[in-house]
C-alpha atoms as a PDB file:
ATOM      1  CA  MET A   1      29.178-241.272  32.636  1.00  0.00           C
ATOM      2  CA  ARG A   2      31.584-242.116  29.871  1.00  0.00           C
ATOM      3  CA  PRO A   3      34.565-239.676  29.696  1.00  0.00           C
ATOM      4  CA  THR A   4      34.889-237.520  26.603  1.00  0.00           C
ATOM      5  CA  ALA A   5      37.686-238.709  24.336  1.00  0.00           C
ATOM      6  CA  THR A   6      40.273-236.113  23.367  1.00  0.00           C
ATOM      7  CA  LYS A   7      41.836-235.959  19.941  1.00  0.00           C
ATOM      8  CA  SER A   8      45.502-236.932  19.635  1.00  0.00           C
ATOM      9  CA  PRO A   9      47.969-234.361  18.238  1.00  0.00           C
ATOM     10  CA  ARG A  10      48.177-236.383  15.023  1.00  0.00           C
ATOM     11  CA  ARG A  11      44.426-236.233  14.537  1.00  0.00           C
ATOM     12  CA  ARG A  12      44.369-232.529  15.309  1.00  0.00           C
ATOM     13  CA  ALA A  13      47.061-231.943  12.689  1.00  0.00           C
ATOM     14  CA  LEU A  14      45.124-233.974  10.118  1.00  0.00           C
ATOM     15  CA  ALA A  15      41.954-232.061  10.939  1.00  0.00           C
ATOM     16  CA  LEU A  16      43.826-228.792  10.501  1.00  0.00           C
ATOM     17  CA  LEU A  17      45.157-229.892   7.121  1.00  0.00           C
ATOM     18  CA  GLY A  18      41.681-230.968   6.052  1.00  0.00           C
ATOM     19  CA  GLY A  19      40.181-227.659   7.117  1.00  0.00           C
ATOM     20  CA  THR A  20      42.877-225.731   5.277  1.00  0.00           C
ATOM     21  CA  ALA A  21      42.276-227.732   2.106  1.00  0.00           C
ATOM     22  CA  ALA A  22      38.507-227.244   2.356  1.00  0.00           C
ATOM     23  CA  THR A  23      38.965-223.497   2.846  1.00  0.00           C
ATOM     24  CA  ALA A  24      41.231-223.314  -0.183  1.00  0.00           C
ATOM     25  CA  LEU A  25      38.663-225.118  -2.324  1.00  0.00           C
ATOM     26  CA  LEU A  26      35.815-222.898  -1.149  1.00  0.00           C
ATOM     27  CA  THR A  27      37.747-219.686  -1.740  1.00  0.00           C
ATOM     28  CA  ALA A  28      38.883-220.833  -5.162  1.00  0.00           C
ATOM     29  CA  GLY A  29      35.497-220.069  -6.710  1.00  0.00           C
ATOM     30  CA  CYS A  30      36.879-217.612  -9.223  1.00  0.00           C
ATOM     31  CA  SER A  31      36.631-217.389 -12.962  1.00  0.00           C
ATOM     32  CA  ALA A  32      39.166-218.892 -15.327  1.00  0.00           C
ATOM     33  CA  GLN A  33      39.938-215.357 -16.550  1.00  0.00           C
ATOM     34  CA  GLU A  34      40.847-214.176 -13.044  1.00  0.00           C
ATOM     35  CA  LEU A  35      42.991-217.243 -12.460  1.00  0.00           C
ATOM     36  CA  SER A  36      44.833-216.974 -15.791  1.00  0.00           C
ATOM     37  CA  THR A  37      45.744-213.333 -15.133  1.00  0.00           C
ATOM     38  CA  GLY A  38      46.666-213.808 -11.491  1.00  0.00           C
ATOM     39  CA  TRP A  39      43.859-211.424 -10.465  1.00  0.00           C
ATOM     40  CA  LEU A  40      45.645-208.537 -12.182  1.00  0.00           C
ATOM     41  CA  PRO A  41      43.465-205.738 -13.671  1.00  0.00           C
ATOM     42  CA  SER A  42      44.292-206.596 -17.276  1.00  0.00           C
ATOM     43  CA  THR A  43      44.269-209.264 -19.969  1.00  0.00           C
ATOM     44  CA  ARG A  44      47.137-210.825 -21.865  1.00  0.00           C
ATOM     45  CA  ASP A  45      46.442-208.850 -25.035  1.00  0.00           C
ATOM     46  CA  THR A  46      45.698-205.391 -23.590  1.00  0.00           C
ATOM     47  CA  THR A  47      49.148-204.292 -24.793  1.00  0.00           C
ATOM     48  CA  ASP A  48      52.067-206.124 -26.346  1.00  0.00           C
ATOM     49  CA  GLU A  49      53.670-206.400 -22.883  1.00  0.00           C
ATOM     50  CA  THR A  50      50.822-207.412 -20.575  1.00  0.00           C
ATOM     51  CA  GLY A  51      51.090-211.086 -21.523  1.00  0.00           C
ATOM     52  CA  ARG A  52      54.763-211.167 -20.545  1.00  0.00           C
ATOM     53  CA  ILE A  53      54.066-209.356 -17.262  1.00  0.00           C
ATOM     54  CA  ILE A  54      51.201-211.695 -16.352  1.00  0.00           C
ATOM     55  CA  THR A  55      53.339-214.765 -17.075  1.00  0.00           C
ATOM     56  CA  LEU A  56      56.125-213.450 -14.816  1.00  0.00           C
ATOM     57  CA  TRP A  57      53.612-212.584 -12.088  1.00  0.00           C
ATOM     58  CA  ASN A  58      51.886-215.967 -12.222  1.00  0.00           C
ATOM     59  CA  GLY A  59      55.185-217.840 -12.186  1.00  0.00           C
ATOM     60  CA  SER A  60      56.349-215.835  -9.170  1.00  0.00           C
ATOM     61  CA  TRP A  61      53.291-216.369  -6.998  1.00  0.00           C
ATOM     62  CA  ILE A  62      52.953-220.039  -7.968  1.00  0.00           C
ATOM     63  CA  ALA A  63      56.585-220.631  -6.958  1.00  0.00           C
ATOM     64  CA  ALA A  64      56.019-218.695  -3.720  1.00  0.00           C
ATOM     65  CA  LEU A  65      52.871-220.716  -2.988  1.00  0.00           C
ATOM     66  CA  ALA A  66      54.708-224.003  -3.635  1.00  0.00           C
ATOM     67  CA  VAL A  67      57.467-222.997  -1.240  1.00  0.00           C
ATOM     68  CA  GLY A  68      54.881-221.934   1.336  1.00  0.00           C
ATOM     69  CA  VAL A  69      53.015-225.252   1.111  1.00  0.00           C
ATOM     70  CA  LEU A  70      56.297-227.152   1.500  1.00  0.00           C
ATOM     71  CA  VAL A  71      57.333-225.121   4.547  1.00  0.00           C
ATOM     72  CA  TRP A  72      53.891-225.377   6.147  1.00  0.00           C
ATOM     73  CA  GLY A  73      53.826-229.118   5.511  1.00  0.00           C
ATOM     74  CA  LEU A  74      57.286-229.663   6.990  1.00  0.00           C
ATOM     75  CA  THR A  75      56.381-227.524   9.998  1.00  0.00           C
ATOM     76  CA  LEU A  76      53.243-229.555  10.707  1.00  0.00           C
ATOM     77  CA  TRP A  77      55.145-232.808  10.175  1.00  0.00           C
ATOM     78  CA  VAL A  78      57.825-231.789  12.678  1.00  0.00           C
ATOM     79  CA  VAL A  79      55.161-230.748  15.199  1.00  0.00           C
ATOM     80  CA  VAL A  80      53.477-234.150  14.930  1.00  0.00           C
ATOM     81  CA  ALA A  81      56.463-236.470  14.423  1.00  0.00           C
ATOM     82  CA  TYR A  82      58.659-234.977  17.131  1.00  0.00           C
ATOM     83  CA  ARG A  83      56.073-234.189  19.763  1.00  0.00           C
ATOM     84  CA  ARG A  84      56.720-235.290  23.311  1.00  0.00           C
ATOM     85  CA  ARG A  85      55.256-238.703  24.074  1.00  0.00           C
ATOM     86  CA  LYS A  86      53.552-239.489  27.353  1.00  0.00           C
ATOM     87  CA  ASP A  87      56.278-241.857  28.477  1.00  0.00           C
ATOM     88  CA  GLU A  88      59.145-239.463  27.695  1.00  0.00           C
ATOM     89  CA  VAL A  89      60.929-237.642  30.502  1.00  0.00           C
ATOM     90  CA  GLY A  90      63.725-235.119  30.618  1.00  0.00           C
ATOM     91  CA  LEU A  91      65.009-232.983  27.790  1.00  0.00           C
ATOM     92  CA  PRO A  92      65.151-234.205  24.181  1.00  0.00           C
ATOM     93  CA  ALA A  93      68.489-234.894  22.549  1.00  0.00           C
ATOM     94  CA  GLN A  94      70.373-231.649  22.000  1.00  0.00           C
ATOM     95  CA  LEU A  95      71.970-231.287  18.546  1.00  0.00           C
ATOM     96  CA  ARG A  96      74.561-228.562  17.915  1.00  0.00           C
ATOM     97  CA  TYR A  97      74.357-228.527  14.139  1.00  0.00           C
ATOM     98  CA  ASN A  98      73.554-230.512  11.008  1.00  0.00           C
ATOM     99  CA  VAL A  99      75.919-229.646   8.173  1.00  0.00           C
ATOM    100  CA  PRO A 100      73.932-231.227   5.286  1.00  0.00           C
ATOM    101  CA  LEU A 101      70.727-229.546   6.463  1.00  0.00           C
ATOM    102  CA  GLU A 102      72.406-226.154   6.832  1.00  0.00           C
ATOM    103  CA  ILE A 103      73.924-226.444   3.354  1.00  0.00           C
ATOM    104  CA  LEU A 104      70.483-227.366   1.987  1.00  0.00           C
ATOM    105  CA  TYR A 105      68.636-224.386   3.454  1.00  0.00           C
ATOM    106  CA  THR A 106      71.418-222.051   2.318  1.00  0.00           C
ATOM    107  CA  VAL A 107      71.880-223.284  -1.246  1.00  0.00           C
ATOM    108  CA  VAL A 108      68.208-223.822  -2.136  1.00  0.00           C
ATOM    109  CA  PRO A 109      67.081-220.221  -1.322  1.00  0.00           C
ATOM    110  CA  LEU A 110      70.080-218.863  -3.267  1.00  0.00           C
ATOM    111  CA  MET A 111      69.040-220.943  -6.270  1.00  0.00           C
ATOM    112  CA  MET A 112      65.452-219.723  -5.968  1.00  0.00           C
ATOM    113  CA  VAL A 113      66.541-216.086  -5.822  1.00  0.00           C
ATOM    114  CA  GLY A 114      68.827-216.658  -8.820  1.00  0.00           C
ATOM    115  CA  VAL A 115      65.994-218.121 -10.912  1.00  0.00           C
ATOM    116  CA  LEU A 116      63.649-215.256  -9.973  1.00  0.00           C
ATOM    117  CA  PHE A 117      66.369-212.706 -10.777  1.00  0.00           C
ATOM    118  CA  TYR A 118      67.012-214.276 -14.185  1.00  0.00           C
ATOM    119  CA  TYR A 119      63.396-214.213 -15.340  1.00  0.00           C
ATOM    120  CA  THR A 120      62.786-210.747 -13.912  1.00  0.00           C
ATOM    121  CA  TYR A 121      65.890-209.331 -15.624  1.00  0.00           C
ATOM    122  CA  ARG A 122      64.996-211.026 -18.914  1.00  0.00           C
ATOM    123  CA  ASP A 123      61.441-209.682 -18.962  1.00  0.00           C
ATOM    124  CA  GLN A 124      62.359-206.234 -17.685  1.00  0.00           C
ATOM    125  CA  THR A 125      64.954-205.892 -20.440  1.00  0.00           C
ATOM    126  CA  GLU A 126      62.314-206.692 -23.066  1.00  0.00           C
ATOM    127  CA  ILE A 127      59.705-204.388 -21.508  1.00  0.00           C
ATOM    128  CA  GLU A 128      62.114-201.451 -21.228  1.00  0.00           C
ATOM    129  CA  ALA A 129      63.421-201.837 -24.801  1.00  0.00           C
ATOM    130  CA  LEU A 130      62.615-198.848 -27.035  1.00  0.00           C
ATOM    131  CA  PRO A 131      61.673-199.094 -30.730  1.00  0.00           C
ATOM    132  CA  GLU A 132      63.894-197.457 -33.341  1.00  0.00           C
ATOM    133  CA  ASN A 133      60.948-195.891 -35.173  1.00  0.00           C
ATOM    134  CA  PRO A 134      57.785-195.657 -33.035  1.00  0.00           C
ATOM    135  CA  ASP A 135      54.530-194.993 -34.861  1.00  0.00           C
ATOM    136  CA  VAL A 136      53.386-192.339 -32.376  1.00  0.00           C
ATOM    137  CA  ASN A 137      55.367-190.035 -30.062  1.00  0.00           C
ATOM    138  CA  ILE A 138      53.613-188.481 -27.083  1.00  0.00           C
ATOM    139  CA  GLY A 139      54.997-186.289 -24.324  1.00  0.00           C
ATOM    140  CA  VAL A 140      53.266-186.674 -20.970  1.00  0.00           C
ATOM    141  CA  VAL A 141      53.938-183.998 -18.361  1.00  0.00           C
ATOM    142  CA  GLY A 142      52.851-184.292 -14.738  1.00  0.00           C
ATOM    143  CA  LYS A 143      52.117-181.251 -12.623  1.00  0.00           C
ATOM    144  CA  GLN A 144      50.423-180.577  -9.320  1.00  0.00           C
ATOM    145  CA  TRP A 145      47.760-181.966  -9.763  1.00  0.00           C
ATOM    146  CA  ALA A 146      46.940-182.533 -13.425  1.00  0.00           C
ATOM    147  CA  TRP A 147      48.430-183.527 -16.775  1.00  0.00           C
ATOM    148  CA  ASP A 148      49.634-182.095 -20.073  1.00  0.00           C
ATOM    149  CA  PHE A 149      49.692-184.283 -23.195  1.00  0.00           C
ATOM    150  CA  ASN A 150      51.844-183.262 -26.178  1.00  0.00           C
ATOM    151  CA  TYR A 151      51.018-185.143 -29.383  1.00  0.00           C
ATOM    152  CA  GLU A 152      54.425-184.517 -30.900  1.00  0.00           C
ATOM    153  CA  ASP A 153      53.844-185.930 -34.404  1.00  0.00           C
ATOM    154  CA  GLU A 154      50.603-183.994 -34.807  1.00  0.00           C
ATOM    155  CA  ASP A 155      51.977-180.817 -33.160  1.00  0.00           C
ATOM    156  CA  VAL A 156      48.914-180.424 -30.942  1.00  0.00           C
ATOM    157  CA  TYR A 157      48.415-180.641 -27.198  1.00  0.00           C
ATOM    158  CA  GLU A 158      45.864-181.272 -24.487  1.00  0.00           C
ATOM    159  CA  THR A 159      46.067-179.647 -21.067  1.00  0.00           C
ATOM    160  CA  SER A 160      44.009-180.048 -17.909  1.00  0.00           C
ATOM    161  CA  THR A 161      43.394-178.797 -14.408  1.00  0.00           C
ATOM    162  CA  GLN A 162      42.874-180.639 -11.149  1.00  0.00           C
ATOM    163  CA  VAL A 163      39.909-183.021 -11.099  1.00  0.00           C
ATOM    164  CA  ASP A 164      37.324-182.160  -8.446  1.00  0.00           C
ATOM    165  CA  LEU A 165      35.920-184.993  -6.329  1.00  0.00           C
ATOM    166  CA  ASP A 166      32.802-185.132  -4.195  1.00  0.00           C
ATOM    167  CA  GLU A 167      32.704-186.331  -0.593  1.00  0.00           C
ATOM    168  CA  GLN A 168      32.494-189.954  -1.758  1.00  0.00           C
ATOM    169  CA  GLY A 169      35.577-189.586  -3.967  1.00  0.00           C
ATOM    170  CA  ASN A 170      33.667-189.525  -7.252  1.00  0.00           C
ATOM    171  CA  PRO A 171      34.827-187.072  -9.952  1.00  0.00           C
ATOM    172  CA  ILE A 172      32.495-184.125 -10.512  1.00  0.00           C
ATOM    173  CA  SER A 173      34.618-182.372 -13.122  1.00  0.00           C
ATOM    174  CA  GLU A 174      35.963-183.571 -16.466  1.00  0.00           C
ATOM    175  CA  ILE A 175      38.797-186.094 -16.361  1.00  0.00           C
ATOM    176  CA  PRO A 176      41.498-185.463 -19.009  1.00  0.00           C
ATOM    177  CA  THR A 177      41.768-188.161 -21.667  1.00  0.00           C
ATOM    178  CA  LEU A 178      44.886-189.291 -23.501  1.00  0.00           C
ATOM    179  CA  TYR A 179      44.092-190.752 -26.930  1.00  0.00           C
ATOM    180  CA  LEU A 180      46.098-193.642 -28.408  1.00  0.00           C
ATOM    181  CA  PRO A 181      45.593-195.416 -31.751  1.00  0.00           C
ATOM    182  CA  VAL A 182      45.146-199.173 -31.415  1.00  0.00           C
ATOM    183  CA  ASP A 183      47.855-201.491 -32.798  1.00  0.00           C
ATOM    184  CA  GLN A 184      50.318-198.607 -33.128  1.00  0.00           C
ATOM    185  CA  THR A 185      53.602-198.538 -31.212  1.00  0.00           C
ATOM    186  CA  VAL A 186      53.550-195.498 -28.931  1.00  0.00           C
ATOM    187  CA  GLN A 187      56.610-194.002 -27.270  1.00  0.00           C
ATOM    188  CA  PHE A 188      55.990-191.805 -24.233  1.00  0.00           C
ATOM    189  CA  THR A 189      58.386-189.141 -23.011  1.00  0.00           C
ATOM    190  CA  LEU A 190      57.647-188.572 -19.333  1.00  0.00           C
ATOM    191  CA  THR A 191      58.671-185.570 -17.259  1.00  0.00           C
ATOM    192  CA  SER A 192      57.376-183.307 -14.493  1.00  0.00           C
ATOM    193  CA  ARG A 193      56.877-179.575 -14.013  1.00  0.00           C
ATOM    194  CA  ASP A 194      57.355-179.481 -10.227  1.00  0.00           C
ATOM    195  CA  VAL A 195      57.782-182.557  -8.015  1.00  0.00           C
ATOM    196  CA  ILE A 196      58.124-186.283  -8.677  1.00  0.00           C
ATOM    197  CA  HIS A 197      54.979-187.851 -10.121  1.00  0.00           C
ATOM    198  CA  SER A 198      54.375-191.293 -11.603  1.00  0.00           C
ATOM    199  CA  PHE A 199      52.521-192.199 -14.807  1.00  0.00           C
ATOM    200  CA  TRP A 200      50.395-195.258 -14.061  1.00  0.00           C
ATOM    201  CA  VAL A 201      47.751-197.041 -16.108  1.00  0.00           C
ATOM    202  CA  PRO A 202      46.754-200.132 -14.066  1.00  0.00           C
ATOM    203  CA  GLY A 203      45.222-201.814 -17.121  1.00  0.00           C
ATOM    204  CA  PHE A 204      48.621-201.632 -18.888  1.00  0.00           C
ATOM    205  CA  LEU A 205      50.379-203.189 -15.849  1.00  0.00           C
ATOM    206  CA  TYR A 206      53.066-200.536 -16.099  1.00  0.00           C
ATOM    207  CA  LYS A 207      54.115-197.313 -14.418  1.00  0.00           C
ATOM    208  CA  LYS A 208      57.158-195.091 -14.423  1.00  0.00           C
ATOM    209  CA  ASP A 209      58.275-192.081 -12.418  1.00  0.00           C
ATOM    210  CA  MET A 210      58.194-188.562 -13.810  1.00  0.00           C
ATOM    211  CA  ILE A 211      61.146-186.557 -12.462  1.00  0.00           C
ATOM    212  CA  PRO A 212      61.691-182.801 -12.832  1.00  0.00           C
ATOM    213  CA  GLY A 213      64.487-181.992 -15.260  1.00  0.00           C
ATOM    214  CA  ARG A 214      64.715-185.569 -16.533  1.00  0.00           C
ATOM    215  CA  GLU A 215      63.030-187.462 -19.363  1.00  0.00           C
ATOM    216  CA  ASN A 216      61.990-191.073 -18.857  1.00  0.00           C
ATOM    217  CA  LEU A 217      60.920-193.100 -21.887  1.00  0.00           C
ATOM    218  CA  ILE A 218      58.536-196.022 -22.233  1.00  0.00           C
ATOM    219  CA  ALA A 219      57.027-197.695 -25.285  1.00  0.00           C
ATOM    220  CA  LEU A 220      54.103-200.046 -25.780  1.00  0.00           C
ATOM    221  CA  THR A 221      51.558-201.113 -28.360  1.00  0.00           C
ATOM    222  CA  PRO A 222      47.914-201.025 -27.187  1.00  0.00           C
ATOM    223  CA  GLN A 223      46.066-203.990 -28.690  1.00  0.00           C
ATOM    224  CA  GLN A 224      42.548-203.510 -27.309  1.00  0.00           C
ATOM    225  CA  THR A 225      40.222-200.586 -27.811  1.00  0.00           C
ATOM    226  CA  GLY A 226      38.562-199.158 -24.737  1.00  0.00           C
ATOM    227  CA  VAL A 227      38.937-196.619 -21.958  1.00  0.00           C
ATOM    228  CA  PHE A 228      41.468-197.276 -19.205  1.00  0.00           C
ATOM    229  CA  GLU A 229      41.778-195.397 -15.920  1.00  0.00           C
ATOM    230  CA  GLY A 230      45.069-193.717 -15.064  1.00  0.00           C
ATOM    231  CA  LYS A 231      46.453-191.928 -12.038  1.00  0.00           C
ATOM    232  CA  CYS A 232      49.582-190.629 -10.379  1.00  0.00           C
ATOM    233  CA  ALA A 233      51.292-193.371  -8.359  1.00  0.00           C
ATOM    234  CA  GLU A 234      53.742-191.163  -6.435  1.00  0.00           C
ATOM    235  CA  LEU A 235      52.645-189.173  -3.398  1.00  0.00           C
ATOM    236  CA  CYS A 236      53.023-185.641  -4.748  1.00  0.00           C
ATOM    237  CA  GLY A 237      51.224-183.361  -2.326  1.00  0.00           C
ATOM    238  CA  GLN A 238      47.886-182.494  -0.793  1.00  0.00           C
ATOM    239  CA  TYR A 239      45.719-183.358  -3.809  1.00  0.00           C
ATOM    240  CA  HIS A 240      47.626-186.395  -5.057  1.00  0.00           C
ATOM    241  CA  SER A 241      44.434-188.490  -5.047  1.00  0.00           C
ATOM    242  CA  GLU A 242      42.785-186.068  -7.478  1.00  0.00           C
ATOM    243  CA  MET A 243      45.509-186.376 -10.118  1.00  0.00           C
ATOM    244  CA  LEU A 244      43.482-188.579 -12.455  1.00  0.00           C
ATOM    245  CA  PHE A 245      43.346-189.173 -16.208  1.00  0.00           C
ATOM    246  CA  ARG A 246      41.975-191.658 -18.711  1.00  0.00           C
ATOM    247  CA  VAL A 247      43.476-193.397 -21.717  1.00  0.00           C
ATOM    248  CA  ALA A 248      41.193-193.955 -24.715  1.00  0.00           C
ATOM    249  CA  VAL A 249      42.531-196.559 -27.126  1.00  0.00           C
ATOM    250  CA  VAL A 250      40.661-195.977 -30.369  1.00  0.00           C
ATOM    251  CA  GLU A 251      40.770-196.814 -34.054  1.00  0.00           C
ATOM    252  CA  GLN A 252      43.020-194.711 -36.257  1.00  0.00           C
ATOM    253  CA  ASP A 253      40.187-192.643 -37.791  1.00  0.00           C
ATOM    254  CA  GLU A 254      38.869-191.699 -34.343  1.00  0.00           C
ATOM    255  CA  PHE A 255      42.379-190.777 -33.233  1.00  0.00           C
ATOM    256  CA  ASP A 256      42.783-188.549 -36.299  1.00  0.00           C
ATOM    257  CA  ALA A 257      39.411-186.936 -35.585  1.00  0.00           C
ATOM    258  CA  GLN A 258      40.516-186.105 -32.037  1.00  0.00           C
ATOM    259  CA  MET A 259      43.694-184.488 -33.389  1.00  0.00           C
ATOM    260  CA  ASP A 260      41.544-182.390 -35.727  1.00  0.00           C
ATOM    261  CA  ARG A 261      39.356-181.301 -32.799  1.00  0.00           C
ATOM    262  CA  LEU A 262      42.436-180.103 -30.927  1.00  0.00           C
ATOM    263  CA  ARG A 263      43.585-178.128 -33.961  1.00  0.00           C
ATOM    264  CA  ALA A 264      40.143-176.590 -34.371  1.00  0.00           C
ATOM    265  CA  ALA A 265      40.255-175.552 -30.717  1.00  0.00           C
ATOM    266  CA  GLY A 266      43.526-173.728 -31.347  1.00  0.00           C
ATOM    267  CA  GLN A 267      45.587-176.147 -29.268  1.00  0.00           C
ATOM    268  CA  THR A 268      48.485-176.302 -31.709  1.00  0.00           C
ATOM    269  CA  GLY A 269      52.167-176.413 -30.862  1.00  0.00           C
ATOM    270  CA  GLN A 270      53.691-177.970 -27.770  1.00  0.00           C
ATOM    271  CA  LEU A 271      53.579-177.124 -24.067  1.00  0.00           C
ATOM    272  CA  GLY A 272      57.244-176.707 -23.218  1.00  0.00           C
ATOM    273  CA  SER A 273      59.499-176.606 -20.188  1.00  0.00           C
ATOM    274  CA  ASP A 274      58.971-172.845 -19.860  1.00  0.00           C
ATOM    275  CA  LEU A 275      55.868-173.742 -17.835  1.00  0.00           C
ATOM    276  CA  ASP A 276      57.874-175.766 -15.315  1.00  0.00           C
ATOM    277  CA  LYS A 277      58.003-174.639 -11.692  1.00  0.00           C
ATOM    278  CA  THR A 278      61.744-175.255 -11.421  1.00  0.00           C
ATOM    279  CA  THR A 279      64.582-172.759 -11.529  1.00  0.00           C
ATOM    280  CA  SER A 280      67.611-172.861 -13.797  1.00  0.00           C
ATOM    281  CA  ASP A 281      69.712-174.607 -11.133  1.00  0.00           C
ATOM    282  CA  GLY A 282      67.187-177.432 -10.850  1.00  0.00           C
ATOM    283  CA  THR A 283      65.656-176.470  -7.522  1.00  0.00           C
ATOM    284  CA  ILE A 284      61.898-176.365  -7.129  1.00  0.00           C
ATOM    285  CA  ASP A 285      60.050-173.095  -6.727  1.00  0.00           C
ATOM    286  CA  ALA A 286      57.392-172.832  -4.058  1.00  0.00           C
ATOM    287  CA  VAL A 287      54.172-174.388  -5.302  1.00  0.00           C
ATOM    288  CA  ASP A 288      50.968-172.583  -4.566  1.00  0.00           C
ATOM    289  CA  VAL A 289      48.650-174.908  -2.667  1.00  0.00           C
ATOM    290  CA  PRO A 290      45.009-173.800  -2.399  1.00  0.00           C
ATOM    291  CA  GLU A 291      43.744-173.481   1.132  1.00  0.00           C
ATOM    292  CA  ASP A 292      40.966-175.762   2.295  1.00  0.00           C
ATOM    293  CA  GLU A 293      37.613-174.041   2.191  1.00  0.00           C
ATOM    294  CA  GLY A 294      36.003-173.402   5.502  1.00  0.00           C
END
């Protein structure tokens, strides 16, 4: 019987590279939209900042992927090129150091980190910049485990209670909705009534913490109408997962109609800090947590 031939290490390495490439091609069956946004839950024109965020994200993961491919390739090359041959005996040559190589793998990562820092700082500075005269001012207040929305220019408010979920995690009670006019620059004043929360709208690719006794500001211009899901992104207690809200970006006339509905419902004025569960010295009062039924 003829003996079975075994593959050489070089052939095994080539087969591995071929399999990796084939896997990458097969798993790349995604839409152009998903690829252009880096699989983020948004589009470039959802707000005036999402395009900048997507560009930074795509540049970061493409650079990381390029570095990964280079490192993987060099690793496989070293495994194949410097493998032990059949006729070799004893230990390989022992090298103490290689100054040029050590300088290379020290300087190159520092340069990469510097480039990433520059672009991140540049974009973060632009994203965090506040307008001198925003078109709309809204105060968003987090509380265990719901939201208050103060429409400051209209002098009306919306309040809510905890959203109830069924056993599958689907909401069975009304989810509070924050209304924003499209193509208007909105400045949000974020704070909390009790513990640290975080205002997060995944479709806007932005979130910021809400800290008791402190106001954090963000500004953006929604550029697409639609309804976007929002949630608290900071673990804030037993019912953190039920702290949900929605953002409805609507035309100006629909936004005005919603403000009129709030006035007609008697929800005029603003919900102030007198409702906070903090004492005058900044400490947090005990928060009543409902007991689990059963």
